[in-house]
Amino acid sequence: MITYQLREDIPKKVVSDRCDVSSDVLERHYDRRTDREKMEQRRDFIEDL
């Protein structure tokens, strides 16, 4: 569920609050996106600016 929300471009802060988990724990244990997925999301975000 956490990875799904992150893949759907829901901000980490929102996911962190919603799931009651710190950003560090979220990143370390729950975020199953690949580095490539993260890179592509960042690129898409920047292109939309």
PDB file of N, CA and C in Angstrom:
ATOM      1  N   MET A   1       0.814  -1.192   0.000  1.00  0.00           N
ATOM      2  CA  MET A   1       0.000   0.000   0.000  1.00  0.00           C
ATOM      3  C   MET A   1       0.864   1.264   0.000  1.00  0.00           C
ATOM      4  N   ILE A   2       1.920   1.290   0.769  1.00  0.00           N
ATOM      5  CA  ILE A   2       2.780   2.469   0.819  1.00  0.00           C
ATOM      6  C   ILE A   2       3.460   2.685  -0.520  1.00  0.00           C
ATOM      7  N   THR A   3       4.039   1.633  -1.073  1.00  0.00           N
ATOM      8  CA  THR A   3       4.716   1.767  -2.362  1.00  0.00           C
ATOM      9  C   THR A   3       3.719   2.168  -3.442  1.00  0.00           C
ATOM     10  N   TYR A   4       2.536   1.611  -3.397  1.00  0.00           N
ATOM     11  CA  TYR A   4       1.506   1.966  -4.374  1.00  0.00           C
ATOM     12  C   TYR A   4       1.216   3.472  -4.318  1.00  0.00           C
ATOM     13  N   GLN A   5       1.047   3.999  -3.123  1.00  0.00           N
ATOM     14  CA  GLN A   5       0.757   5.424  -2.978  1.00  0.00           C
ATOM     15  C   GLN A   5       1.914   6.273  -3.501  1.00  0.00           C
ATOM     16  N   LEU A   6       3.129   5.859  -3.220  1.00  0.00           N
ATOM     17  CA  LEU A   6       4.284   6.606  -3.712  1.00  0.00           C
ATOM     18  C   LEU A   6       4.366   6.537  -5.238  1.00  0.00           C
ATOM     19  N   ARG A   7       4.058   5.386  -5.795  1.00  0.00           N
ATOM     20  CA  ARG A   7       4.060   5.247  -7.256  1.00  0.00           C
ATOM     21  C   ARG A   7       2.976   6.097  -7.901  1.00  0.00           C
ATOM     22  N   GLU A   8       1.923   6.381  -7.161  1.00  0.00           N
ATOM     23  CA  GLU A   8       0.845   7.223  -7.666  1.00  0.00           C
ATOM     24  C   GLU A   8       1.120   8.713  -7.431  1.00  0.00           C
ATOM     25  N   ASP A   9       2.343   9.028  -7.092  1.00  0.00           N
ATOM     26  CA  ASP A   9       2.794  10.416  -6.905  1.00  0.00           C
ATOM     27  C   ASP A   9       2.170  11.134  -5.722  1.00  0.00           C
ATOM     28  N   ILE A  10       1.721  10.384  -4.742  1.00  0.00           N
ATOM     29  CA  ILE A  10       1.275  11.011  -3.504  1.00  0.00           C
ATOM     30  C   ILE A  10       2.547  11.406  -2.751  1.00  0.00           C
ATOM     31  N   PRO A  11       2.650  12.646  -2.311  1.00  0.00           N
ATOM     32  CA  PRO A  11       3.876  13.101  -1.647  1.00  0.00           C
ATOM     33  C   PRO A  11       4.245  12.244  -0.426  1.00  0.00           C
ATOM     34  N   LYS A  12       5.546  12.067  -0.240  1.00  0.00           N
ATOM     35  CA  LYS A  12       6.040  11.255   0.878  1.00  0.00           C
ATOM     36  C   LYS A  12       5.499  11.737   2.209  1.00  0.00           C
ATOM     37  N   LYS A  13       5.419  13.026   2.399  1.00  0.00           N
ATOM     38  CA  LYS A  13       4.926  13.582   3.661  1.00  0.00           C
ATOM     39  C   LYS A  13       3.492  13.137   3.919  1.00  0.00           C
ATOM     40  N   VAL A  14       2.672  13.142   2.902  1.00  0.00           N
ATOM     41  CA  VAL A  14       1.281  12.735   3.039  1.00  0.00           C
ATOM     42  C   VAL A  14       1.201  11.240   3.369  1.00  0.00           C
ATOM     43  N   VAL A  15       1.972  10.435   2.644  1.00  0.00           N
ATOM     44  CA  VAL A  15       1.993   8.991   2.899  1.00  0.00           C
ATOM     45  C   VAL A  15       2.504   8.717   4.309  1.00  0.00           C
ATOM     46  N   SER A  16       3.540   9.416   4.693  1.00  0.00           N
ATOM     47  CA  SER A  16       4.121   9.245   6.022  1.00  0.00           C
ATOM     48  C   SER A  16       3.087   9.546   7.106  1.00  0.00           C
ATOM     49  N   ASP A  17       2.389  10.644   6.980  1.00  0.00           N
ATOM     50  CA  ASP A  17       1.362  11.019   7.956  1.00  0.00           C
ATOM     51  C   ASP A  17       0.202  10.030   7.942  1.00  0.00           C
ATOM     52  N   ARG A  18      -0.244   9.678   6.757  1.00  0.00           N
ATOM     53  CA  ARG A  18      -1.396   8.789   6.620  1.00  0.00           C
ATOM     54  C   ARG A  18      -1.127   7.404   7.209  1.00  0.00           C
ATOM     55  N   CYS A  19       0.111   6.930   7.054  1.00  0.00           N
ATOM     56  CA  CYS A  19       0.469   5.585   7.523  1.00  0.00           C
ATOM     57  C   CYS A  19       1.121   5.600   8.905  1.00  0.00           C
ATOM     58  N   ASP A  20       1.226   6.787   9.473  1.00  0.00           N
ATOM     59  CA  ASP A  20       1.799   6.942  10.811  1.00  0.00           C
ATOM     60  C   ASP A  20       3.187   6.306  10.914  1.00  0.00           C
ATOM     61  N   VAL A  21       4.059   6.721  10.013  1.00  0.00           N
ATOM     62  CA  VAL A  21       5.435   6.224   9.977  1.00  0.00           C
ATOM     63  C   VAL A  21       6.331   7.407   9.606  1.00  0.00           C
ATOM     64  N   SER A  22       7.506   7.465  10.213  1.00  0.00           N
ATOM     65  CA  SER A  22       8.402   8.577   9.912  1.00  0.00           C
ATOM     66  C   SER A  22       8.922   8.464   8.480  1.00  0.00           C
ATOM     67  N   SER A  23       9.359   9.568   7.945  1.00  0.00           N
ATOM     68  CA  SER A  23       9.904   9.577   6.587  1.00  0.00           C
ATOM     69  C   SER A  23      11.119   8.673   6.469  1.00  0.00           C
ATOM     70  N   ASP A  24      11.954   8.657   7.499  1.00  0.00           N
ATOM     71  CA  ASP A  24      13.140   7.792   7.482  1.00  0.00           C
ATOM     72  C   ASP A  24      12.759   6.319   7.433  1.00  0.00           C
ATOM     73  N   VAL A  25      11.810   5.924   8.263  1.00  0.00           N
ATOM     74  CA  VAL A  25      11.371   4.525   8.284  1.00  0.00           C
ATOM     75  C   VAL A  25      10.679   4.183   6.967  1.00  0.00           C
ATOM     76  N   LEU A  26       9.882   5.089   6.462  1.00  0.00           N
ATOM     77  CA  LEU A  26       9.223   4.880   5.188  1.00  0.00           C
ATOM     78  C   LEU A  26      10.263   4.599   4.105  1.00  0.00           C
ATOM     79  N   GLU A  27      11.249   5.439   4.022  1.00  0.00           N
ATOM     80  CA  GLU A  27      12.308   5.294   3.007  1.00  0.00           C
ATOM     81  C   GLU A  27      13.091   3.993   3.191  1.00  0.00           C
ATOM     82  N   ARG A  28      13.437   3.696   4.401  1.00  0.00           N
ATOM     83  CA  ARG A  28      14.303   2.545   4.685  1.00  0.00           C
ATOM     84  C   ARG A  28      13.594   1.201   4.550  1.00  0.00           C
ATOM     85  N   HIS A  29      12.326   1.121   4.956  1.00  0.00           N
ATOM     86  CA  HIS A  29      11.677  -0.185   5.059  1.00  0.00           C
ATOM     87  C   HIS A  29      10.479  -0.414   4.135  1.00  0.00           C
ATOM     88  N   TYR A  30       9.816   0.640   3.719  1.00  0.00           N
ATOM     89  CA  TYR A  30       8.553   0.448   3.018  1.00  0.00           C
ATOM     90  C   TYR A  30       8.550   0.879   1.561  1.00  0.00           C
ATOM     91  N   ASP A  31       9.443   1.752   1.179  1.00  0.00           N
ATOM     92  CA  ASP A  31       9.459   2.252  -0.195  1.00  0.00           C
ATOM     93  C   ASP A  31      10.154   1.231  -1.092  1.00  0.00           C
ATOM     94  N   ARG A  32       9.372   0.491  -1.865  1.00  0.00           N
ATOM     95  CA  ARG A  32       9.905  -0.577  -2.712  1.00  0.00           C
ATOM     96  C   ARG A  32      10.119  -0.132  -4.157  1.00  0.00           C
ATOM     97  N   ARG A  33       9.992   1.165  -4.404  1.00  0.00           N
ATOM     98  CA  ARG A  33      10.255   1.638  -5.758  1.00  0.00           C
ATOM     99  C   ARG A  33      11.737   1.460  -6.077  1.00  0.00           C
ATOM    100  N   THR A  34      12.010   1.187  -7.324  1.00  0.00           N
ATOM    101  CA  THR A  34      13.398   1.070  -7.759  1.00  0.00           C
ATOM    102  C   THR A  34      13.986   2.470  -7.901  1.00  0.00           C
ATOM    103  N   ASP A  35      15.309   2.535  -7.962  1.00  0.00           N
ATOM    104  CA  ASP A  35      15.955   3.833  -8.194  1.00  0.00           C
ATOM    105  C   ASP A  35      15.493   4.423  -9.520  1.00  0.00           C
ATOM    106  N   ARG A  36      15.282   3.575 -10.487  1.00  0.00           N
ATOM    107  CA  ARG A  36      14.810   4.031 -11.806  1.00  0.00           C
ATOM    108  C   ARG A  36      13.412   4.648 -11.698  1.00  0.00           C
ATOM    109  N   GLU A  37      12.525   3.997 -10.961  1.00  0.00           N
ATOM    110  CA  GLU A  37      11.176   4.544 -10.774  1.00  0.00           C
ATOM    111  C   GLU A  37      11.231   5.912 -10.104  1.00  0.00           C
ATOM    112  N   LYS A  38      12.056   6.030  -9.087  1.00  0.00           N
ATOM    113  CA  LYS A  38      12.195   7.312  -8.387  1.00  0.00           C
ATOM    114  C   LYS A  38      12.719   8.389  -9.327  1.00  0.00           C
ATOM    115  N   MET A  39      13.713   8.030 -10.129  1.00  0.00           N
ATOM    116  CA  MET A  39      14.292   8.977 -11.083  1.00  0.00           C
ATOM    117  C   MET A  39      13.231   9.441 -12.083  1.00  0.00           C
ATOM    118  N   GLU A  40      12.460   8.509 -12.614  1.00  0.00           N
ATOM    119  CA  GLU A  40      11.442   8.861 -13.594  1.00  0.00           C
ATOM    120  C   GLU A  40      10.355   9.746 -12.990  1.00  0.00           C
ATOM    121  N   GLN A  41       9.986   9.481 -11.752  1.00  0.00           N
ATOM    122  CA  GLN A  41       8.991  10.331 -11.091  1.00  0.00           C
ATOM    123  C   GLN A  41       9.525  11.744 -10.896  1.00  0.00           C
ATOM    124  N   ARG A  42      10.783  11.855 -10.479  1.00  0.00           N
ATOM    125  CA  ARG A  42      11.379  13.183 -10.320  1.00  0.00           C
ATOM    126  C   ARG A  42      11.406  13.921 -11.662  1.00  0.00           C
ATOM    127  N   ARG A  43      11.814  13.219 -12.708  1.00  0.00           N
ATOM    128  CA  ARG A  43      11.903  13.830 -14.031  1.00  0.00           C
ATOM    129  C   ARG A  43      10.520  14.297 -14.496  1.00  0.00           C
ATOM    130  N   ASP A  44       9.509  13.450 -14.334  1.00  0.00           N
ATOM    131  CA  ASP A  44       8.153  13.831 -14.729  1.00  0.00           C
ATOM    132  C   ASP A  44       7.676  15.052 -13.954  1.00  0.00           C
ATOM    133  N   PHE A  45       7.998  15.090 -12.679  1.00  0.00           N
ATOM    134  CA  PHE A  45       7.612  16.233 -11.852  1.00  0.00           C
ATOM    135  C   PHE A  45       8.265  17.516 -12.355  1.00  0.00           C
ATOM    136  N   ILE A  46       9.546  17.452 -12.629  1.00  0.00           N
ATOM    137  CA  ILE A  46      10.280  18.633 -13.078  1.00  0.00           C
ATOM    138  C   ILE A  46       9.785  19.102 -14.451  1.00  0.00           C
ATOM    139  N   GLU A  47       9.500  18.163 -15.323  1.00  0.00           N
ATOM    140  CA  GLU A  47       8.992  18.524 -16.655  1.00  0.00           C
ATOM    141  C   GLU A  47       7.648  19.231 -16.587  1.00  0.00           C
ATOM    142  N   ASP A  48       6.862  18.914 -15.563  1.00  0.00           N
ATOM    143  CA  ASP A  48       5.551  19.536 -15.406  1.00  0.00           C
ATOM    144  C   ASP A  48       5.607  20.948 -14.826  1.00  0.00           C
ATOM    145  N   LEU A  49       6.752  21.349 -14.342  1.00  0.00           N
ATOM    146  CA  LEU A  49       6.864  22.690 -13.739  1.00  0.00           C
ATOM    147  C   LEU A  49       6.822  23.778 -14.761  1.00  0.00           C
TER     148      LEU A  49
END
